[in-house]
Amino acid sequence: MQFEMMYSKIHRARVSDANLNYTGSITIDKNLANAAGMLENMKVDVLNINNGERFSTYVILGENEGEICLNGACARKAQIGDLVIIVAYAMMDSNETKGFKPKVVHVDSYNKICAQDS
């Protein structure tokens, strides 16, 4: 049996940009994504703390420090400055779930890493 488990999350990141005319996705500072173990094109859920919106999209690695940019249709789900939780999942069998601890990256108001759990 396979279980879909939280693999990692970036907790309380601030949306730094929104680009309605882009194809789609969420652009995440590559250093921040790497710290959370998030890969380019990985499916993630984005949970908007400000308005309660929850949506799925995929990751694009960004070059700008602290960048969290919602692109395409996602840009309608949040405003610049909103706080979001970005969650990635992985399929695991029952043996893999035993003792597994997801990576949790906490950021400050500039999306700089201030703590990590794993």
N, C-alpha and C. Protein backbone atom coordinates (compact mmCIF):
# COMPACT_ATOMS: atom_id res chain seq x y z
N MET A 1 0.84 -1.17 0.00
CA MET A 1 0.00 0.00 0.00
C MET A 1 0.89 1.24 0.00
N GLN A 2 0.46 2.25 -0.72
CA GLN A 2 1.19 3.52 -0.79
C GLN A 2 0.41 4.61 -0.06
N PHE A 3 1.13 5.50 0.58
CA PHE A 3 0.53 6.62 1.30
C PHE A 3 1.12 7.92 0.77
N GLU A 4 0.28 8.91 0.57
CA GLU A 4 0.78 10.23 0.16
C GLU A 4 1.06 11.01 1.43
N MET A 5 2.33 11.31 1.66
CA MET A 5 2.77 11.93 2.91
C MET A 5 3.39 13.30 2.64
N MET A 6 3.28 14.19 3.63
CA MET A 6 3.97 15.46 3.51
C MET A 6 5.48 15.17 3.49
N TYR A 7 6.13 15.63 2.42
CA TYR A 7 7.56 15.44 2.25
C TYR A 7 8.32 16.63 2.84
N SER A 8 7.82 17.84 2.54
CA SER A 8 8.47 19.05 3.04
C SER A 8 7.52 20.23 2.93
N LYS A 9 7.91 21.31 3.61
CA LYS A 9 7.13 22.55 3.46
C LYS A 9 8.01 23.75 3.76
N ILE A 10 7.62 24.85 3.11
CA ILE A 10 8.19 26.16 3.42
C ILE A 10 7.08 26.90 4.15
N HIS A 11 7.34 27.26 5.40
CA HIS A 11 6.30 27.76 6.29
C HIS A 11 6.29 29.29 6.39
N ARG A 12 5.15 29.87 6.06
CA ARG A 12 4.89 31.31 6.19
C ARG A 12 5.81 32.17 5.31
N ALA A 13 5.96 31.75 4.05
CA ALA A 13 6.70 32.56 3.08
C ALA A 13 5.82 33.72 2.63
N ARG A 14 6.43 34.81 2.28
CA ARG A 14 5.71 35.99 1.82
C ARG A 14 5.76 36.05 0.29
N VAL A 15 4.59 36.20 -0.34
CA VAL A 15 4.52 36.33 -1.79
C VAL A 15 5.22 37.62 -2.18
N SER A 16 6.27 37.50 -3.02
CA SER A 16 7.05 38.67 -3.40
C SER A 16 6.64 39.23 -4.76
N ASP A 17 5.93 38.43 -5.56
CA ASP A 17 5.52 38.89 -6.89
C ASP A 17 4.39 38.01 -7.40
N ALA A 18 3.66 38.52 -8.36
CA ALA A 18 2.60 37.77 -9.04
C ALA A 18 2.63 38.19 -10.50
N ASN A 19 2.66 37.20 -11.40
CA ASN A 19 2.79 37.47 -12.82
C ASN A 19 1.67 36.74 -13.57
N LEU A 20 0.56 37.43 -13.76
CA LEU A 20 -0.61 36.84 -14.40
C LEU A 20 -0.33 36.36 -15.81
N ASN A 21 0.58 37.01 -16.54
CA ASN A 21 0.82 36.69 -17.94
C ASN A 21 1.86 35.60 -18.17
N TYR A 22 2.28 34.93 -17.10
CA TYR A 22 3.22 33.81 -17.24
C TYR A 22 2.42 32.52 -17.43
N THR A 23 3.04 31.50 -17.96
CA THR A 23 2.36 30.24 -18.29
C THR A 23 1.70 29.59 -17.08
N GLY A 24 2.31 29.62 -15.94
CA GLY A 24 1.74 29.01 -14.73
C GLY A 24 2.83 28.57 -13.79
N SER A 25 2.49 28.27 -12.56
CA SER A 25 3.41 27.72 -11.57
C SER A 25 3.71 28.69 -10.43
N ILE A 26 4.65 28.27 -9.58
CA ILE A 26 5.18 29.12 -8.52
C ILE A 26 6.70 29.14 -8.66
N THR A 27 7.27 30.31 -8.72
CA THR A 27 8.73 30.46 -8.77
C THR A 27 9.22 30.62 -7.34
N ILE A 28 10.16 29.75 -6.95
CA ILE A 28 10.70 29.76 -5.59
C ILE A 28 12.21 29.94 -5.68
N ASP A 29 12.75 30.85 -4.88
CA ASP A 29 14.20 31.03 -4.76
C ASP A 29 14.85 29.65 -4.70
N LYS A 30 15.79 29.36 -5.61
CA LYS A 30 16.36 28.02 -5.71
C LYS A 30 17.03 27.56 -4.42
N ASN A 31 17.63 28.46 -3.66
CA ASN A 31 18.26 28.08 -2.39
C ASN A 31 17.21 27.67 -1.37
N LEU A 32 16.10 28.37 -1.36
CA LEU A 32 14.99 28.05 -0.46
C LEU A 32 14.36 26.71 -0.86
N ALA A 33 14.13 26.53 -2.16
CA ALA A 33 13.57 25.26 -2.64
C ALA A 33 14.51 24.10 -2.32
N ASN A 34 15.80 24.28 -2.53
CA ASN A 34 16.77 23.23 -2.24
C ASN A 34 16.77 22.87 -0.76
N ALA A 35 16.67 23.88 0.11
CA ALA A 35 16.64 23.62 1.56
C ALA A 35 15.43 22.77 1.94
N ALA A 36 14.33 22.95 1.20
CA ALA A 36 13.11 22.19 1.47
C ALA A 36 13.06 20.89 0.68
N GLY A 37 14.07 20.63 -0.14
CA GLY A 37 14.08 19.41 -0.95
C GLY A 37 13.08 19.44 -2.09
N MET A 38 12.67 20.63 -2.50
CA MET A 38 11.71 20.76 -3.60
C MET A 38 12.46 20.83 -4.92
N LEU A 39 11.98 20.08 -5.88
CA LEU A 39 12.62 19.96 -7.18
C LEU A 39 11.87 20.75 -8.24
N GLU A 40 12.58 21.15 -9.28
CA GLU A 40 11.93 21.81 -10.42
C GLU A 40 10.84 20.89 -10.96
N ASN A 41 9.68 21.45 -11.23
CA ASN A 41 8.50 20.76 -11.76
C ASN A 41 7.78 19.88 -10.74
N MET A 42 8.22 19.85 -9.49
CA MET A 42 7.54 19.08 -8.45
C MET A 42 6.19 19.70 -8.15
N LYS A 43 5.18 18.87 -7.99
CA LYS A 43 3.85 19.36 -7.62
C LYS A 43 3.87 19.80 -6.16
N VAL A 44 3.27 20.96 -5.91
CA VAL A 44 3.14 21.48 -4.55
C VAL A 44 1.73 22.02 -4.36
N ASP A 45 1.32 22.07 -3.11
CA ASP A 45 0.11 22.79 -2.74
C ASP A 45 0.54 24.10 -2.12
N VAL A 46 -0.20 25.15 -2.41
CA VAL A 46 0.06 26.46 -1.83
C VAL A 46 -1.16 26.82 -0.98
N LEU A 47 -0.93 27.12 0.28
CA LEU A 47 -1.99 27.45 1.22
C LEU A 47 -1.84 28.91 1.61
N ASN A 48 -2.81 29.73 1.24
CA ASN A 48 -2.73 31.16 1.52
C ASN A 48 -3.31 31.43 2.90
N ILE A 49 -2.46 31.87 3.81
CA ILE A 49 -2.87 32.14 5.19
C ILE A 49 -3.81 33.35 5.24
N ASN A 50 -3.61 34.32 4.35
CA ASN A 50 -4.41 35.55 4.39
C ASN A 50 -5.86 35.36 3.96
N ASN A 51 -6.09 34.54 2.93
CA ASN A 51 -7.46 34.45 2.41
C ASN A 51 -8.03 33.03 2.39
N GLY A 52 -7.27 32.05 2.84
CA GLY A 52 -7.76 30.68 2.91
C GLY A 52 -7.71 29.90 1.61
N GLU A 53 -7.24 30.50 0.52
CA GLU A 53 -7.14 29.79 -0.76
C GLU A 53 -6.15 28.63 -0.63
N ARG A 54 -6.45 27.53 -1.30
CA ARG A 54 -5.57 26.36 -1.38
C ARG A 54 -5.56 25.93 -2.83
N PHE A 55 -4.37 25.78 -3.42
CA PHE A 55 -4.30 25.36 -4.82
C PHE A 55 -3.02 24.59 -5.07
N SER A 56 -3.05 23.80 -6.13
CA SER A 56 -1.90 23.01 -6.54
C SER A 56 -1.25 23.62 -7.76
N THR A 57 0.06 23.52 -7.83
CA THR A 57 0.81 23.99 -8.98
C THR A 57 2.15 23.25 -9.00
N TYR A 58 3.11 23.75 -9.75
CA TYR A 58 4.43 23.10 -9.81
C TYR A 58 5.52 24.15 -9.64
N VAL A 59 6.68 23.68 -9.24
CA VAL A 59 7.81 24.55 -8.87
C VAL A 59 8.67 24.91 -10.08
N ILE A 60 9.01 26.18 -10.17
CA ILE A 60 10.08 26.67 -11.04
C ILE A 60 11.12 27.27 -10.11
N LEU A 61 12.39 26.94 -10.33
CA LEU A 61 13.46 27.46 -9.48
C LEU A 61 13.82 28.88 -9.93
N GLY A 62 13.81 29.80 -8.97
CA GLY A 62 14.11 31.20 -9.25
C GLY A 62 15.53 31.56 -8.88
N GLU A 63 16.02 32.61 -9.50
CA GLU A 63 17.39 33.08 -9.28
C GLU A 63 17.47 34.19 -8.24
N ASN A 64 16.34 34.83 -7.93
CA ASN A 64 16.35 35.98 -7.02
C ASN A 64 16.17 35.55 -5.58
N GLU A 65 17.04 36.04 -4.70
CA GLU A 65 16.98 35.69 -3.29
C GLU A 65 15.62 36.07 -2.70
N GLY A 66 15.00 35.12 -2.02
CA GLY A 66 13.73 35.37 -1.35
C GLY A 66 12.52 35.36 -2.27
N GLU A 67 12.72 35.03 -3.54
CA GLU A 67 11.62 35.09 -4.51
C GLU A 67 10.57 34.01 -4.26
N ILE A 68 9.33 34.45 -4.15
CA ILE A 68 8.15 33.59 -4.14
C ILE A 68 7.15 34.28 -5.06
N CYS A 69 7.09 33.82 -6.31
CA CYS A 69 6.26 34.48 -7.32
C CYS A 69 5.20 33.52 -7.83
N LEU A 70 3.95 33.95 -7.74
CA LEU A 70 2.84 33.16 -8.29
C LEU A 70 2.64 33.57 -9.74
N ASN A 71 2.57 32.58 -10.61
CA ASN A 71 2.50 32.82 -12.04
C ASN A 71 1.20 32.31 -12.64
N GLY A 72 0.78 32.94 -13.74
CA GLY A 72 -0.42 32.51 -14.45
C GLY A 72 -1.65 32.58 -13.57
N ALA A 73 -2.51 31.57 -13.68
CA ALA A 73 -3.77 31.55 -12.92
C ALA A 73 -3.54 31.65 -11.42
N CYS A 74 -2.41 31.12 -10.93
CA CYS A 74 -2.10 31.19 -9.49
C CYS A 74 -2.02 32.63 -9.00
N ALA A 75 -1.65 33.54 -9.88
CA ALA A 75 -1.50 34.94 -9.49
C ALA A 75 -2.82 35.54 -9.01
N ARG A 76 -3.94 34.91 -9.37
CA ARG A 76 -5.26 35.38 -8.92
C ARG A 76 -5.59 34.91 -7.51
N LYS A 77 -4.78 33.99 -6.97
CA LYS A 77 -5.08 33.36 -5.69
C LYS A 77 -4.45 34.06 -4.49
N ALA A 78 -3.59 35.04 -4.75
CA ALA A 78 -2.90 35.74 -3.66
C ALA A 78 -2.48 37.12 -4.12
N GLN A 79 -2.19 37.95 -3.16
CA GLN A 79 -1.65 39.28 -3.43
C GLN A 79 -0.22 39.34 -2.93
N ILE A 80 0.56 40.22 -3.52
CA ILE A 80 1.92 40.44 -3.05
C ILE A 80 1.83 40.81 -1.56
N GLY A 81 2.65 40.14 -0.76
CA GLY A 81 2.66 40.36 0.68
C GLY A 81 1.90 39.31 1.47
N ASP A 82 1.03 38.53 0.80
CA ASP A 82 0.31 37.46 1.50
C ASP A 82 1.29 36.42 2.01
N LEU A 83 0.94 35.80 3.13
CA LEU A 83 1.73 34.70 3.69
C LEU A 83 1.18 33.38 3.17
N VAL A 84 2.09 32.49 2.75
CA VAL A 84 1.68 31.20 2.22
C VAL A 84 2.53 30.09 2.85
N ILE A 85 1.95 28.89 2.83
CA ILE A 85 2.67 27.67 3.19
C ILE A 85 2.75 26.86 1.90
N ILE A 86 3.93 26.44 1.54
CA ILE A 86 4.15 25.67 0.31
C ILE A 86 4.49 24.24 0.73
N VAL A 87 3.65 23.28 0.32
CA VAL A 87 3.76 21.90 0.79
C VAL A 87 4.01 20.96 -0.38
N ALA A 88 5.04 20.10 -0.24
CA ALA A 88 5.33 19.05 -1.21
C ALA A 88 5.02 17.70 -0.56
N TYR A 89 4.61 16.76 -1.38
CA TYR A 89 4.24 15.42 -0.90
C TYR A 89 5.07 14.37 -1.62
N ALA A 90 5.13 13.18 -1.03
CA ALA A 90 5.81 12.04 -1.65
C ALA A 90 5.00 10.78 -1.36
N MET A 91 5.03 9.85 -2.30
CA MET A 91 4.40 8.55 -2.09
C MET A 91 5.38 7.66 -1.35
N MET A 92 4.89 7.01 -0.29
CA MET A 92 5.74 6.13 0.53
C MET A 92 4.98 4.86 0.85
N ASP A 93 5.73 3.78 0.98
CA ASP A 93 5.09 2.56 1.48
C ASP A 93 5.14 2.60 3.01
N SER A 94 4.50 1.64 3.64
CA SER A 94 4.39 1.67 5.10
C SER A 94 5.75 1.63 5.78
N ASN A 95 6.73 0.95 5.19
CA ASN A 95 8.06 0.91 5.79
C ASN A 95 8.75 2.27 5.72
N GLU A 96 8.57 2.98 4.61
CA GLU A 96 9.19 4.30 4.45
C GLU A 96 8.59 5.33 5.41
N THR A 97 7.33 5.14 5.78
CA THR A 97 6.68 6.13 6.65
C THR A 97 7.17 6.05 8.09
N LYS A 98 7.67 4.89 8.48
CA LYS A 98 8.13 4.69 9.87
C LYS A 98 9.35 5.57 10.15
N GLY A 99 9.21 6.46 11.07
CA GLY A 99 10.31 7.33 11.45
C GLY A 99 10.60 8.46 10.48
N PHE A 100 9.84 8.56 9.38
CA PHE A 100 10.09 9.65 8.43
C PHE A 100 9.70 10.98 9.04
N LYS A 101 10.56 11.97 8.88
CA LYS A 101 10.26 13.32 9.35
C LYS A 101 10.40 14.27 8.17
N PRO A 102 9.34 14.99 7.85
CA PRO A 102 9.41 15.92 6.72
C PRO A 102 10.35 17.08 7.01
N LYS A 103 10.89 17.65 5.94
CA LYS A 103 11.70 18.87 6.06
C LYS A 103 10.74 20.05 6.21
N VAL A 104 10.99 20.88 7.20
CA VAL A 104 10.19 22.08 7.41
C VAL A 104 11.15 23.26 7.45
N VAL A 105 10.95 24.19 6.53
CA VAL A 105 11.81 25.37 6.45
C VAL A 105 11.00 26.58 6.89
N HIS A 106 11.46 27.25 7.92
CA HIS A 106 10.81 28.47 8.42
C HIS A 106 11.57 29.66 7.86
N VAL A 107 10.83 30.66 7.42
CA VAL A 107 11.47 31.84 6.84
C VAL A 107 11.03 33.11 7.58
N ASP A 108 11.84 34.16 7.44
CA ASP A 108 11.48 35.45 8.03
C ASP A 108 10.65 36.25 7.03
N SER A 109 10.40 37.50 7.31
CA SER A 109 9.54 38.32 6.45
C SER A 109 10.17 38.65 5.10
N TYR A 110 11.45 38.32 4.92
CA TYR A 110 12.14 38.51 3.64
C TYR A 110 12.39 37.18 2.92
N ASN A 111 11.75 36.12 3.41
CA ASN A 111 11.89 34.76 2.88
C ASN A 111 13.30 34.22 3.01
N LYS A 112 14.00 34.67 4.04
CA LYS A 112 15.32 34.11 4.35
C LYS A 112 15.13 33.03 5.41
N ILE A 113 15.86 31.95 5.27
CA ILE A 113 15.72 30.83 6.20
C ILE A 113 16.15 31.25 7.59
N CYS A 114 15.26 31.01 8.56
CA CYS A 114 15.60 31.33 9.94
C CYS A 114 15.64 30.07 10.81
N ALA A 115 15.04 28.96 10.34
CA ALA A 115 15.10 27.68 11.07
C ALA A 115 14.71 26.56 10.12
N GLN A 116 15.23 25.36 10.42
CA GLN A 116 14.90 24.18 9.64
C GLN A 116 14.68 23.00 10.57
N ASP A 117 13.66 22.21 10.29
CA ASP A 117 13.41 20.96 11.01
C ASP A 117 13.48 19.83 10.00
N SER A 118 13.98 18.70 10.43
CA SER A 118 13.90 17.49 9.59
C SER A 118 14.29 16.28 10.37
